[in-house]
């Protein structure tokens, strides 16, 4: 098996769609990549909301915890080709009940 040329994560952008996002060219760079950096790159999947909305949180599909922007992939145990779920914060609604 050959060497990995691009380290990637899979991002679920809606109920039926998963996109692949290249985030690093080495394992060291991948491990130090941050959740905040992922959010910035993932905005390209949402051109109609780019710059107008912020992400509420990003979470692993196996974890219910909210990930902080400063956390690294290594600290979150995110591996090459992990699936991450992105949830967008959008204005509107009635607030909390």
PDB file of N, CA and C in Angstrom:
ATOM      1  N   UNK A   1       0.845  -1.173   0.000  1.00  0.00           N
ATOM      2  CA  UNK A   1       0.000   0.000   0.000  1.00  0.00           C
ATOM      3  C   UNK A   1       0.891   1.237   0.000  1.00  0.00           C
ATOM      4  N   UNK A   2       0.524   2.262  -0.781  1.00  0.00           N
ATOM      5  CA  UNK A   2       1.327   3.464  -0.915  1.00  0.00           C
ATOM      6  C   UNK A   2       1.134   4.444   0.223  1.00  0.00           C
ATOM      7  N   UNK A   3       1.973   5.466   0.194  1.00  0.00           N
ATOM      8  CA  UNK A   3       1.914   6.519   1.198  1.00  0.00           C
ATOM      9  C   UNK A   3       0.716   7.428   0.924  1.00  0.00           C
ATOM     10  N   UNK A   4       0.076   7.922   1.973  1.00  0.00           N
ATOM     11  CA  UNK A   4      -1.064   8.824   1.827  1.00  0.00           C
ATOM     12  C   UNK A   4      -0.554  10.186   1.384  1.00  0.00           C
ATOM     13  N   UNK A   5      -1.126  10.729   0.293  1.00  0.00           N
ATOM     14  CA  UNK A   5      -0.699  12.022  -0.240  1.00  0.00           C
ATOM     15  C   UNK A   5      -1.467  13.184   0.387  1.00  0.00           C
ATOM     16  N   UNK A   6      -2.705  12.967   0.751  1.00  0.00           N
ATOM     17  CA  UNK A   6      -3.517  14.018   1.362  1.00  0.00           C
ATOM     18  C   UNK A   6      -4.323  13.410   2.500  1.00  0.00           C
ATOM     19  N   UNK A   7      -4.263  14.043   3.643  1.00  0.00           N
ATOM     20  CA  UNK A   7      -5.039  13.588   4.785  1.00  0.00           C
ATOM     21  C   UNK A   7      -6.378  14.304   4.746  1.00  0.00           C
ATOM     22  N   UNK A   8      -7.447  13.526   4.844  1.00  0.00           N
ATOM     23  CA  UNK A   8      -8.781  14.056   4.615  1.00  0.00           C
ATOM     24  C   UNK A   8      -9.741  13.657   5.728  1.00  0.00           C
ATOM     25  N   UNK A   9     -10.804  14.433   5.847  1.00  0.00           N
ATOM     26  CA  UNK A   9     -11.941  14.056   6.681  1.00  0.00           C
ATOM     27  C   UNK A   9     -13.174  14.105   5.791  1.00  0.00           C
ATOM     28  N   UNK A  10     -14.159  13.325   6.160  1.00  0.00           N
ATOM     29  CA  UNK A  10     -15.440  13.350   5.445  1.00  0.00           C
ATOM     30  C   UNK A  10     -16.400  14.182   6.283  1.00  0.00           C
ATOM     31  N   UNK A  11     -17.110  15.086   5.616  1.00  0.00           N
ATOM     32  CA  UNK A  11     -17.986  16.020   6.305  1.00  0.00           C
ATOM     33  C   UNK A  11     -19.422  15.797   5.854  1.00  0.00           C
ATOM     34  N   UNK A  12     -20.288  15.478   6.810  1.00  0.00           N
ATOM     35  CA  UNK A  12     -21.716  15.344   6.488  1.00  0.00           C
ATOM     36  C   UNK A  12     -22.297  16.751   6.495  1.00  0.00           C
ATOM     37  N   UNK A  13     -22.746  17.202   5.307  1.00  0.00           N
ATOM     38  CA  UNK A  13     -23.254  18.565   5.175  1.00  0.00           C
ATOM     39  C   UNK A  13     -24.777  18.633   5.206  1.00  0.00           C
ATOM     40  N   UNK A  14     -25.428  17.524   5.022  1.00  0.00           N
ATOM     41  CA  UNK A  14     -26.875  17.425   5.203  1.00  0.00           C
ATOM     42  C   UNK A  14     -27.231  15.954   5.359  1.00  0.00           C
ATOM     43  N   UNK A  15     -28.504  15.666   5.426  1.00  0.00           N
ATOM     44  CA  UNK A  15     -28.958  14.297   5.711  1.00  0.00           C
ATOM     45  C   UNK A  15     -28.417  13.263   4.730  1.00  0.00           C
ATOM     46  N   UNK A  16     -28.297  13.632   3.449  1.00  0.00           N
ATOM     47  CA  UNK A  16     -27.943  12.654   2.425  1.00  0.00           C
ATOM     48  C   UNK A  16     -26.606  12.891   1.741  1.00  0.00           C
ATOM     49  N   UNK A  17     -25.807  13.829   2.210  1.00  0.00           N
ATOM     50  CA  UNK A  17     -24.591  14.168   1.478  1.00  0.00           C
ATOM     51  C   UNK A  17     -23.368  14.233   2.390  1.00  0.00           C
ATOM     52  N   UNK A  18     -22.334  13.511   1.975  1.00  0.00           N
ATOM     53  CA  UNK A  18     -21.043  13.555   2.661  1.00  0.00           C
ATOM     54  C   UNK A  18     -20.012  14.018   1.646  1.00  0.00           C
ATOM     55  N   UNK A  19     -19.226  15.043   2.020  1.00  0.00           N
ATOM     56  CA  UNK A  19     -18.179  15.563   1.141  1.00  0.00           C
ATOM     57  C   UNK A  19     -16.827  15.284   1.775  1.00  0.00           C
ATOM     58  N   UNK A  20     -15.801  15.193   0.927  1.00  0.00           N
ATOM     59  CA  UNK A  20     -14.441  14.938   1.400  1.00  0.00           C
ATOM     60  C   UNK A  20     -13.677  16.255   1.402  1.00  0.00           C
ATOM     61  N   UNK A  21     -12.974  16.521   2.496  1.00  0.00           N
ATOM     62  CA  UNK A  21     -12.221  17.755   2.655  1.00  0.00           C
ATOM     63  C   UNK A  21     -10.767  17.415   2.949  1.00  0.00           C
ATOM     64  N   UNK A  22      -9.860  17.838   2.067  1.00  0.00           N
ATOM     65  CA  UNK A  22      -8.426  17.643   2.299  1.00  0.00           C
ATOM     66  C   UNK A  22      -7.951  18.703   3.278  1.00  0.00           C
ATOM     67  N   UNK A  23      -7.255  18.274   4.325  1.00  0.00           N
ATOM     68  CA  UNK A  23      -6.836  19.230   5.352  1.00  0.00           C
ATOM     69  C   UNK A  23      -5.335  19.270   5.594  1.00  0.00           C
ATOM     70  N   UNK A  24      -4.591  18.279   5.134  1.00  0.00           N
ATOM     71  CA  UNK A  24      -3.155  18.262   5.414  1.00  0.00           C
ATOM     72  C   UNK A  24      -2.426  17.357   4.435  1.00  0.00           C
ATOM     73  N   UNK A  25      -1.111  17.586   4.328  1.00  0.00           N
ATOM     74  CA  UNK A  25      -0.296  16.754   3.440  1.00  0.00           C
ATOM     75  C   UNK A  25       0.635  15.820   4.215  1.00  0.00           C
ATOM     76  N   UNK A  26       0.622  15.913   5.549  1.00  0.00           N
ATOM     77  CA  UNK A  26       1.423  14.996   6.370  1.00  0.00           C
ATOM     78  C   UNK A  26       0.630  14.630   7.619  1.00  0.00           C
ATOM     79  N   UNK A  27       1.012  13.530   8.234  1.00  0.00           N
ATOM     80  CA  UNK A  27       0.292  13.098   9.436  1.00  0.00           C
ATOM     81  C   UNK A  27       0.488  14.093  10.581  1.00  0.00           C
ATOM     82  N   UNK A  28       1.679  14.698  10.665  1.00  0.00           N
ATOM     83  CA  UNK A  28       1.945  15.681  11.722  1.00  0.00           C
ATOM     84  C   UNK A  28       1.062  16.916  11.541  1.00  0.00           C
ATOM     85  N   UNK A  29       0.955  17.395  10.299  1.00  0.00           N
ATOM     86  CA  UNK A  29       0.110  18.551  10.004  1.00  0.00           C
ATOM     87  C   UNK A  29      -1.357  18.221  10.298  1.00  0.00           C
ATOM     88  N   UNK A  30      -1.779  17.010   9.954  1.00  0.00           N
ATOM     89  CA  UNK A  30      -3.155  16.571  10.200  1.00  0.00           C
ATOM     90  C   UNK A  30      -3.455  16.566  11.695  1.00  0.00           C
ATOM     91  N   UNK A  31      -2.557  16.004  12.498  1.00  0.00           N
ATOM     92  CA  UNK A  31      -2.776  15.914  13.941  1.00  0.00           C
ATOM     93  C   UNK A  31      -2.886  17.284  14.593  1.00  0.00           C
ATOM     94  N   UNK A  32      -2.168  18.284  14.058  1.00  0.00           N
ATOM     95  CA  UNK A  32      -2.173  19.625  14.638  1.00  0.00           C
ATOM     96  C   UNK A  32      -3.238  20.544  14.038  1.00  0.00           C
ATOM     97  N   UNK A  33      -3.964  20.059  13.032  1.00  0.00           N
ATOM     98  CA  UNK A  33      -5.027  20.855  12.413  1.00  0.00           C
ATOM     99  C   UNK A  33      -6.125  21.094  13.449  1.00  0.00           C
ATOM    100  N   UNK A  34      -6.702  22.293  13.464  1.00  0.00           N
ATOM    101  CA  UNK A  34      -7.677  22.636  14.501  1.00  0.00           C
ATOM    102  C   UNK A  34      -9.121  22.559  14.001  1.00  0.00           C
ATOM    103  N   UNK A  35     -10.018  22.458  14.948  1.00  0.00           N
ATOM    104  CA  UNK A  35     -11.449  22.473  14.644  1.00  0.00           C
ATOM    105  C   UNK A  35     -11.819  23.802  13.987  1.00  0.00           C
ATOM    106  N   UNK A  36     -11.237  24.902  14.461  1.00  0.00           N
ATOM    107  CA  UNK A  36     -11.486  26.211  13.853  1.00  0.00           C
ATOM    108  C   UNK A  36     -11.062  26.247  12.393  1.00  0.00           C
ATOM    109  N   UNK A  37      -9.913  25.640  12.085  1.00  0.00           N
ATOM    110  CA  UNK A  37      -9.452  25.558  10.697  1.00  0.00           C
ATOM    111  C   UNK A  37     -10.392  24.733   9.839  1.00  0.00           C
ATOM    112  N   UNK A  38     -10.922  23.669  10.409  1.00  0.00           N
ATOM    113  CA  UNK A  38     -11.887  22.834   9.685  1.00  0.00           C
ATOM    114  C   UNK A  38     -13.152  23.629   9.369  1.00  0.00           C
ATOM    115  N   UNK A  39     -13.634  24.399  10.343  1.00  0.00           N
ATOM    116  CA  UNK A  39     -14.831  25.207  10.118  1.00  0.00           C
ATOM    117  C   UNK A  39     -14.614  26.185   8.963  1.00  0.00           C
ATOM    118  N   UNK A  40     -13.450  26.836   8.949  1.00  0.00           N
ATOM    119  CA  UNK A  40     -13.148  27.794   7.880  1.00  0.00           C
ATOM    120  C   UNK A  40     -13.158  27.121   6.515  1.00  0.00           C
ATOM    121  N   UNK A  41     -12.512  25.972   6.405  1.00  0.00           N
ATOM    122  CA  UNK A  41     -12.462  25.263   5.116  1.00  0.00           C
ATOM    123  C   UNK A  41     -13.817  24.702   4.717  1.00  0.00           C
ATOM    124  N   UNK A  42     -14.592  24.264   5.685  1.00  0.00           N
ATOM    125  CA  UNK A  42     -15.893  23.667   5.387  1.00  0.00           C
ATOM    126  C   UNK A  42     -16.899  24.693   4.875  1.00  0.00           C
ATOM    127  N   UNK A  43     -16.660  25.976   5.119  1.00  0.00           N
ATOM    128  CA  UNK A  43     -17.571  27.003   4.604  1.00  0.00           C
ATOM    129  C   UNK A  43     -17.687  26.957   3.088  1.00  0.00           C
ATOM    130  N   UNK A  44     -16.678  26.408   2.407  1.00  0.00           N
ATOM    131  CA  UNK A  44     -16.738  26.303   0.944  1.00  0.00           C
ATOM    132  C   UNK A  44     -17.879  25.390   0.490  1.00  0.00           C
ATOM    133  N   UNK A  45     -18.371  24.526   1.374  1.00  0.00           N
ATOM    134  CA  UNK A  45     -19.488  23.646   1.040  1.00  0.00           C
ATOM    135  C   UNK A  45     -20.834  24.374   1.109  1.00  0.00           C
ATOM    136  N   UNK A  46     -20.819  25.587   1.658  1.00  0.00           N
ATOM    137  CA  UNK A  46     -22.051  26.354   1.855  1.00  0.00           C
ATOM    138  C   UNK A  46     -21.906  27.756   1.264  1.00  0.00           C
ATOM    139  N   UNK A  47     -21.744  27.882  -0.068  1.00  0.00           N
ATOM    140  CA  UNK A  47     -21.488  29.196  -0.662  1.00  0.00           C
ATOM    141  C   UNK A  47     -22.606  30.209  -0.427  1.00  0.00           C
ATOM    142  N   UNK A  48     -23.828  29.774  -0.284  1.00  0.00           N
ATOM    143  CA  UNK A  48     -24.925  30.723  -0.089  1.00  0.00           C
ATOM    144  C   UNK A  48     -24.956  31.320   1.315  1.00  0.00           C
ATOM    145  N   UNK A  49     -24.267  30.689   2.274  1.00  0.00           N
ATOM    146  CA  UNK A  49     -24.247  31.216   3.639  1.00  0.00           C
ATOM    147  C   UNK A  49     -22.876  31.723   4.049  1.00  0.00           C
ATOM    148  N   UNK A  50     -21.889  31.563   3.193  1.00  0.00           N
ATOM    149  CA  UNK A  50     -20.521  31.954   3.519  1.00  0.00           C
ATOM    150  C   UNK A  50     -20.470  33.421   3.939  1.00  0.00           C
ATOM    151  N   UNK A  51     -19.993  33.670   5.159  1.00  0.00           N
ATOM    152  CA  UNK A  51     -19.869  35.018   5.677  1.00  0.00           C
ATOM    153  C   UNK A  51     -21.109  35.546   6.379  1.00  0.00           C
ATOM    154  N   UNK A  52     -22.244  34.892   6.211  1.00  0.00           N
ATOM    155  CA  UNK A  52     -23.477  35.368   6.846  1.00  0.00           C
ATOM    156  C   UNK A  52     -23.792  34.628   8.140  1.00  0.00           C
ATOM    157  N   UNK A  53     -23.390  33.373   8.247  1.00  0.00           N
ATOM    158  CA  UNK A  53     -23.721  32.570   9.417  1.00  0.00           C
ATOM    159  C   UNK A  53     -22.453  31.975  10.012  1.00  0.00           C
ATOM    160  N   UNK A  54     -22.544  31.542  11.264  1.00  0.00           N
ATOM    161  CA  UNK A  54     -21.444  30.848  11.929  1.00  0.00           C
ATOM    162  C   UNK A  54     -21.894  29.433  12.259  1.00  0.00           C
ATOM    163  N   UNK A  55     -20.918  28.542  12.398  1.00  0.00           N
ATOM    164  CA  UNK A  55     -21.241  27.194  12.856  1.00  0.00           C
ATOM    165  C   UNK A  55     -21.566  27.244  14.340  1.00  0.00           C
ATOM    166  N   UNK A  56     -22.578  26.514  14.732  1.00  0.00           N
ATOM    167  CA  UNK A  56     -22.865  26.347  16.149  1.00  0.00           C
ATOM    168  C   UNK A  56     -21.811  25.421  16.748  1.00  0.00           C
ATOM    169  N   UNK A  57     -21.635  24.284  16.148  1.00  0.00           N
ATOM    170  CA  UNK A  57     -20.625  23.341  16.607  1.00  0.00           C
ATOM    171  C   UNK A  57     -20.368  22.295  15.543  1.00  0.00           C
ATOM    172  N   UNK A  58     -19.280  21.617  15.717  1.00  0.00           N
ATOM    173  CA  UNK A  58     -18.954  20.450  14.903  1.00  0.00           C
ATOM    174  C   UNK A  58     -18.778  19.304  15.883  1.00  0.00           C
ATOM    175  N   UNK A  59     -19.342  18.175  15.564  1.00  0.00           N
ATOM    176  CA  UNK A  59     -19.172  17.039  16.471  1.00  0.00           C
ATOM    177  C   UNK A  59     -18.867  15.781  15.680  1.00  0.00           C
ATOM    178  N   UNK A  60     -18.186  14.874  16.318  1.00  0.00           N
ATOM    179  CA  UNK A  60     -17.953  13.565  15.723  1.00  0.00           C
ATOM    180  C   UNK A  60     -19.256  12.792  15.697  1.00  0.00           C
ATOM    181  N   UNK A  61     -19.381  11.905  14.733  1.00  0.00           N
ATOM    182  CA  UNK A  61     -20.606  11.106  14.664  1.00  0.00           C
ATOM    183  C   UNK A  61     -20.713  10.095  15.799  1.00  0.00           C
ATOM    184  N   UNK A  62     -19.660   9.925  16.590  1.00  0.00           N
ATOM    185  CA  UNK A  62     -19.705   8.977  17.705  1.00  0.00           C
ATOM    186  C   UNK A  62     -19.665   9.685  19.056  1.00  0.00           C
ATOM    187  N   UNK A  63     -19.687  11.021  19.049  1.00  0.00           N
ATOM    188  CA  UNK A  63     -19.534  11.799  20.272  1.00  0.00           C
ATOM    189  C   UNK A  63     -20.605  12.877  20.319  1.00  0.00           C
ATOM    190  N   UNK A  64     -21.129  13.159  21.481  1.00  0.00           N
ATOM    191  CA  UNK A  64     -22.151  14.193  21.598  1.00  0.00           C
ATOM    192  C   UNK A  64     -21.593  15.502  22.127  1.00  0.00           C
ATOM    193  N   UNK A  65     -20.299  15.545  22.408  1.00  0.00           N
ATOM    194  CA  UNK A  65     -19.699  16.752  22.950  1.00  0.00           C
ATOM    195  C   UNK A  65     -19.441  17.803  21.881  1.00  0.00           C
ATOM    196  N   UNK A  66     -19.478  19.076  22.300  1.00  0.00           N
ATOM    197  CA  UNK A  66     -19.178  20.188  21.403  1.00  0.00           C
ATOM    198  C   UNK A  66     -17.666  20.368  21.360  1.00  0.00           C
ATOM    199  N   UNK A  67     -17.112  20.476  20.157  1.00  0.00           N
ATOM    200  CA  UNK A  67     -15.675  20.647  19.994  1.00  0.00           C
ATOM    201  C   UNK A  67     -15.335  22.129  19.912  1.00  0.00           C
ATOM    202  N   UNK A  68     -14.296  22.543  20.621  1.00  0.00           N
ATOM    203  CA  UNK A  68     -13.861  23.938  20.651  1.00  0.00           C
ATOM    204  C   UNK A  68     -12.934  24.227  19.474  1.00  0.00           C
ATOM    205  N   UNK A  69     -12.960  25.468  18.986  1.00  0.00           N
ATOM    206  CA  UNK A  69     -12.148  25.864  17.830  1.00  0.00           C
ATOM    207  C   UNK A  69     -10.659  25.609  18.028  1.00  0.00           C
ATOM    208  N   UNK A  70     -10.165  25.736  19.250  1.00  0.00           N
ATOM    209  CA  UNK A  70      -8.730  25.590  19.508  1.00  0.00           C
ATOM    210  C   UNK A  70      -8.269  24.133  19.611  1.00  0.00           C
ATOM    211  N   UNK A  71      -9.187  23.194  19.693  1.00  0.00           N
ATOM    212  CA  UNK A  71      -8.814  21.781  19.809  1.00  0.00           C
ATOM    213  C   UNK A  71      -8.200  21.278  18.508  1.00  0.00           C
ATOM    214  N   UNK A  72      -7.200  20.403  18.644  1.00  0.00           N
ATOM    215  CA  UNK A  72      -6.569  19.803  17.468  1.00  0.00           C
ATOM    216  C   UNK A  72      -7.243  18.474  17.149  1.00  0.00           C
ATOM    217  N   UNK A  73      -7.019  18.004  15.920  1.00  0.00           N
ATOM    218  CA  UNK A  73      -7.555  16.696  15.543  1.00  0.00           C
ATOM    219  C   UNK A  73      -7.008  15.619  16.472  1.00  0.00           C
ATOM    220  N   UNK A  74      -5.732  15.719  16.814  1.00  0.00           N
ATOM    221  CA  UNK A  74      -5.121  14.725  17.694  1.00  0.00           C
ATOM    222  C   UNK A  74      -5.823  14.695  19.049  1.00  0.00           C
ATOM    223  N   UNK A  75      -6.110  15.859  19.630  1.00  0.00           N
ATOM    224  CA  UNK A  75      -6.749  15.900  20.947  1.00  0.00           C
ATOM    225  C   UNK A  75      -8.185  15.375  20.909  1.00  0.00           C
ATOM    226  N   UNK A  76      -8.796  15.383  19.728  1.00  0.00           N
ATOM    227  CA  UNK A  76     -10.175  14.890  19.568  1.00  0.00           C
ATOM    228  C   UNK A  76     -10.223  13.466  19.025  1.00  0.00           C
ATOM    229  N   UNK A  77      -9.049  12.860  18.810  1.00  0.00           N
ATOM    230  CA  UNK A  77      -8.959  11.516  18.227  1.00  0.00           C
ATOM    231  C   UNK A  77      -9.597  11.431  16.845  1.00  0.00           C
ATOM    232  N   UNK A  78      -9.488  12.509  16.066  1.00  0.00           N
ATOM    233  CA  UNK A  78      -9.978  12.511  14.690  1.00  0.00           C
ATOM    234  C   UNK A  78      -8.897  11.901  13.817  1.00  0.00           C
ATOM    235  N   UNK A  79      -9.262  10.916  13.022  1.00  0.00           N
ATOM    236  CA  UNK A  79      -8.320  10.206  12.165  1.00  0.00           C
ATOM    237  C   UNK A  79      -8.623  10.468  10.701  1.00  0.00           C
ATOM    238  N   UNK A  80      -7.668  10.097   9.837  1.00  0.00           N
ATOM    239  CA  UNK A  80      -7.838  10.199   8.389  1.00  0.00           C
ATOM    240  C   UNK A  80      -9.147   9.522   7.984  1.00  0.00           C
ATOM    241  N   UNK A  81      -9.976  10.230   7.232  1.00  0.00           N
ATOM    242  CA  UNK A  81     -11.278   9.791   6.715  1.00  0.00           C
ATOM    243  C   UNK A  81     -12.360   9.622   7.790  1.00  0.00           C
ATOM    244  N   UNK A  82     -12.161  10.240   8.963  1.00  0.00           N
ATOM    245  CA  UNK A  82     -13.240  10.278   9.954  1.00  0.00           C
ATOM    246  C   UNK A  82     -14.421  11.035   9.368  1.00  0.00           C
ATOM    247  N   UNK A  83     -15.618  10.702   9.820  1.00  0.00           N
ATOM    248  CA  UNK A  83     -16.819  11.429   9.397  1.00  0.00           C
ATOM    249  C   UNK A  83     -17.194  12.416  10.499  1.00  0.00           C
ATOM    250  N   UNK A  84     -17.292  13.697  10.131  1.00  0.00           N
ATOM    251  CA  UNK A  84     -17.679  14.750  11.064  1.00  0.00           C
ATOM    252  C   UNK A  84     -19.021  15.320  10.626  1.00  0.00           C
ATOM    253  N   UNK A  85     -19.817  15.722  11.585  1.00  0.00           N
ATOM    254  CA  UNK A  85     -21.122  16.305  11.289  1.00  0.00           C
ATOM    255  C   UNK A  85     -21.042  17.798  11.543  1.00  0.00           C
ATOM    256  N   UNK A  86     -21.462  18.587  10.548  1.00  0.00           N
ATOM    257  CA  UNK A  86     -21.453  20.037  10.691  1.00  0.00           C
ATOM    258  C   UNK A  86     -22.880  20.512  10.901  1.00  0.00           C
ATOM    259  N   UNK A  87     -23.057  21.327  11.919  1.00  0.00           N
ATOM    260  CA  UNK A  87     -24.358  21.924  12.199  1.00  0.00           C
ATOM    261  C   UNK A  87     -24.198  23.429  12.062  1.00  0.00           C
ATOM    262  N   UNK A  88     -25.024  24.062  11.227  1.00  0.00           N
ATOM    263  CA  UNK A  88     -24.971  25.503  11.016  1.00  0.00           C
ATOM    264  C   UNK A  88     -25.882  26.234  11.990  1.00  0.00           C
ATOM    265  N   UNK A  89     -25.409  27.372  12.467  1.00  0.00           N
ATOM    266  CA  UNK A  89     -26.258  28.262  13.239  1.00  0.00           C
ATOM    267  C   UNK A  89     -26.875  29.241  12.249  1.00  0.00           C
ATOM    268  N   UNK A  90     -28.181  29.320  12.227  1.00  0.00           N
ATOM    269  CA  UNK A  90     -28.862  30.256  11.333  1.00  0.00           C
ATOM    270  C   UNK A  90     -29.805  31.129  12.155  1.00  0.00           C
ATOM    271  N   UNK A  91     -29.989  32.375  11.737  1.00  0.00           N
ATOM    272  CA  UNK A  91     -30.870  33.257  12.505  1.00  0.00           C
ATOM    273  C   UNK A  91     -32.329  32.839  12.363  1.00  0.00           C
ATOM    274  N   UNK A  92     -33.123  33.237  13.334  1.00  0.00           N
ATOM    275  CA  UNK A  92     -34.546  32.929  13.286  1.00  0.00           C
ATOM    276  C   UNK A  92     -34.946  31.979  14.386  1.00  0.00           C
ATOM    277  N   UNK A  93     -36.147  31.546  14.338  1.00  0.00           N
ATOM    278  CA  UNK A  93     -36.653  30.646  15.370  1.00  0.00           C
ATOM    279  C   UNK A  93     -37.154  31.419  16.571  1.00  0.00           C
ATOM    280  N   UNK A  94     -37.606  30.688  17.544  1.00  0.00           N
ATOM    281  CA  UNK A  94     -38.200  31.307  18.727  1.00  0.00           C
ATOM    282  C   UNK A  94     -37.259  31.356  19.916  1.00  0.00           C
ATOM    283  N   UNK A  95     -36.048  30.913  19.765  1.00  0.00           N
ATOM    284  CA  UNK A  95     -35.152  30.872  20.910  1.00  0.00           C
ATOM    285  C   UNK A  95     -35.334  29.592  21.697  1.00  0.00           C
ATOM    286  N   UNK A  96     -34.803  29.577  22.886  1.00  0.00           N
ATOM    287  CA  UNK A  96     -34.905  28.371  23.708  1.00  0.00           C
ATOM    288  C   UNK A  96     -36.222  28.362  24.465  1.00  0.00           C
ATOM    289  N   UNK A  97     -36.695  27.178  24.723  1.00  0.00           N
ATOM    290  CA  UNK A  97     -37.964  27.026  25.442  1.00  0.00           C
ATOM    291  C   UNK A  97     -37.679  26.746  26.890  1.00  0.00           C
TER     292      UNK A  97
END
